[in-house]
Amino acid sequence: MSKTKSTKIYEQVAEKLKVLIAQGELQQG
């Protein structure tokens, strides 16, 4: 179960990072 939880958390963090990066690129552009 620990692996499943860590994987879900990692996926959530990755999604947030993608959104932040996308927003940053839009602001810079």
PDB file of N, CA and C in Angstrom:
ATOM      1  N   MET A   1       0.842  -1.207   0.000  1.00  0.00           N
ATOM      2  CA  MET A   1       0.000   0.000   0.000  1.00  0.00           C
ATOM      3  C   MET A   1       0.876   1.256   0.000  1.00  0.00           C
ATOM      4  N   SER A   2       2.005   1.163   0.655  1.00  0.00           N
ATOM      5  CA  SER A   2       2.874   2.343   0.723  1.00  0.00           C
ATOM      6  C   SER A   2       3.288   2.772  -0.683  1.00  0.00           C
ATOM      7  N   LYS A   3       3.565   1.779  -1.543  1.00  0.00           N
ATOM      8  CA  LYS A   3       3.976   2.125  -2.909  1.00  0.00           C
ATOM      9  C   LYS A   3       2.835   2.834  -3.631  1.00  0.00           C
ATOM     10  N   THR A   4       1.613   2.320  -3.462  1.00  0.00           N
ATOM     11  CA  THR A   4       0.474   2.939  -4.146  1.00  0.00           C
ATOM     12  C   THR A   4       0.280   4.373  -3.679  1.00  0.00           C
ATOM     13  N   LYS A   5       0.359   4.589  -2.366  1.00  0.00           N
ATOM     14  CA  LYS A   5       0.165   5.952  -1.843  1.00  0.00           C
ATOM     15  C   LYS A   5       1.246   6.881  -2.378  1.00  0.00           C
ATOM     16  N   SER A   6       2.499   6.456  -2.299  1.00  0.00           N
ATOM     17  CA  SER A   6       3.593   7.313  -2.758  1.00  0.00           C
ATOM     18  C   SER A   6       3.439   7.608  -4.246  1.00  0.00           C
ATOM     19  N   THR A   7       2.993   6.621  -5.007  1.00  0.00           N
ATOM     20  CA  THR A   7       2.820   6.837  -6.447  1.00  0.00           C
ATOM     21  C   THR A   7       1.737   7.879  -6.695  1.00  0.00           C
ATOM     22  N   LYS A   8       0.632   7.776  -5.966  1.00  0.00           N
ATOM     23  CA  LYS A   8      -0.455   8.748  -6.158  1.00  0.00           C
ATOM     24  C   LYS A   8       0.035  10.144  -5.793  1.00  0.00           C
ATOM     25  N   ILE A   9       0.757  10.263  -4.677  1.00  0.00           N
ATOM     26  CA  ILE A   9       1.257  11.576  -4.249  1.00  0.00           C
ATOM     27  C   ILE A   9       2.196  12.131  -5.319  1.00  0.00           C
ATOM     28  N   TYR A  10       3.096  11.270  -5.835  1.00  0.00           N
ATOM     29  CA  TYR A  10       4.046  11.728  -6.860  1.00  0.00           C
ATOM     30  C   TYR A  10       3.292  12.224  -8.089  1.00  0.00           C
ATOM     31  N   GLU A  11       2.249  11.498  -8.485  1.00  0.00           N
ATOM     32  CA  GLU A  11       1.474  11.909  -9.665  1.00  0.00           C
ATOM     33  C   GLU A  11       0.808  13.258  -9.415  1.00  0.00           C
ATOM     34  N   GLN A  12       0.261  13.452  -8.197  1.00  0.00           N
ATOM     35  CA  GLN A  12      -0.399  14.720  -7.888  1.00  0.00           C
ATOM     36  C   GLN A  12       0.614  15.855  -7.949  1.00  0.00           C
ATOM     37  N   VAL A  13       1.804  15.638  -7.377  1.00  0.00           N
ATOM     38  CA  VAL A  13       2.840  16.683  -7.384  1.00  0.00           C
ATOM     39  C   VAL A  13       3.261  16.981  -8.819  1.00  0.00           C
ATOM     40  N   ALA A  14       3.415  15.935  -9.618  1.00  0.00           N
ATOM     41  CA  ALA A  14       3.824  16.123 -11.016  1.00  0.00           C
ATOM     42  C   ALA A  14       2.784  16.961 -11.755  1.00  0.00           C
ATOM     43  N   GLU A  15       1.517  16.683 -11.516  1.00  0.00           N
ATOM     44  CA  GLU A  15       0.458  17.448 -12.190  1.00  0.00           C
ATOM     45  C   GLU A  15       0.513  18.913 -11.766  1.00  0.00           C
ATOM     46  N   LYS A  16       0.711  19.162 -10.461  1.00  0.00           N
ATOM     47  CA  LYS A  16       0.781  20.548  -9.979  1.00  0.00           C
ATOM     48  C   LYS A  16       1.967  21.260 -10.613  1.00  0.00           C
ATOM     49  N   LEU A  17       3.100  20.560 -10.701  1.00  0.00           N
ATOM     50  CA  LEU A  17       4.290  21.182 -11.301  1.00  0.00           C
ATOM     51  C   LEU A  17       4.015  21.523 -12.758  1.00  0.00           C
ATOM     52  N   LYS A  18       3.356  20.633 -13.472  1.00  0.00           N
ATOM     53  CA  LYS A  18       3.048  20.892 -14.886  1.00  0.00           C
ATOM     54  C   LYS A  18       2.182  22.142 -15.002  1.00  0.00           C
ATOM     55  N   VAL A  19       1.191  22.274 -14.125  1.00  0.00           N
ATOM     56  CA  VAL A  19       0.300  23.443 -14.179  1.00  0.00           C
ATOM     57  C   VAL A  19       1.092  24.709 -13.884  1.00  0.00           C
ATOM     58  N   LEU A  20       1.943  24.652 -12.845  1.00  0.00           N
ATOM     59  CA  LEU A  20       2.730  25.838 -12.486  1.00  0.00           C
ATOM     60  C   LEU A  20       3.661  26.219 -13.630  1.00  0.00           C
ATOM     61  N   ILE A  21       4.287  25.229 -14.246  1.00  0.00           N
ATOM     62  CA  ILE A  21       5.205  25.509 -15.364  1.00  0.00           C
ATOM     63  C   ILE A  21       4.426  26.120 -16.524  1.00  0.00           C
ATOM     64  N   ALA A  22       3.257  25.565 -16.816  1.00  0.00           N
ATOM     65  CA  ALA A  22       2.438  26.083 -17.913  1.00  0.00           C
ATOM     66  C   ALA A  22       2.048  27.533 -17.628  1.00  0.00           C
ATOM     67  N   GLN A  23       1.640  27.823 -16.402  1.00  0.00           N
ATOM     68  CA  GLN A  23       1.255  29.190 -16.049  1.00  0.00           C
ATOM     69  C   GLN A  23       2.457  30.117 -16.171  1.00  0.00           C
ATOM     70  N   GLY A  24       3.623  29.665 -15.701  1.00  0.00           N
ATOM     71  CA  GLY A  24       4.839  30.486 -15.770  1.00  0.00           C
ATOM     72  C   GLY A  24       5.189  30.804 -17.210  1.00  0.00           C
ATOM     73  N   GLU A  25       5.070  29.819 -18.095  1.00  0.00           N
ATOM     74  CA  GLU A  25       5.388  30.048 -19.501  1.00  0.00           C
ATOM     75  C   GLU A  25       4.417  31.064 -20.099  1.00  0.00           C
ATOM     76  N   LEU A  26       3.138  30.962 -19.739  1.00  0.00           N
ATOM     77  CA  LEU A  26       2.149  31.900 -20.272  1.00  0.00           C
ATOM     78  C   LEU A  26       2.467  33.307 -19.780  1.00  0.00           C
ATOM     79  N   GLN A  27       2.816  33.442 -18.498  1.00  0.00           N
ATOM     80  CA  GLN A  27       3.117  34.761 -17.944  1.00  0.00           C
ATOM     81  C   GLN A  27       4.367  35.344 -18.607  1.00  0.00           C
ATOM     82  N   GLN A  28       5.391  34.514 -18.809  1.00  0.00           N
ATOM     83  CA  GLN A  28       6.628  35.001 -19.423  1.00  0.00           C
ATOM     84  C   GLN A  28       6.368  35.406 -20.876  1.00  0.00           C
ATOM     85  N   GLY A  29       5.593  34.578 -21.582  1.00  0.00           N
ATOM     86  CA  GLY A  29       5.316  34.863 -22.993  1.00  0.00           C
ATOM     87  C   GLY A  29       4.524  36.139 -23.134  1.00  0.00           C
TER      88      GLY A  29
END
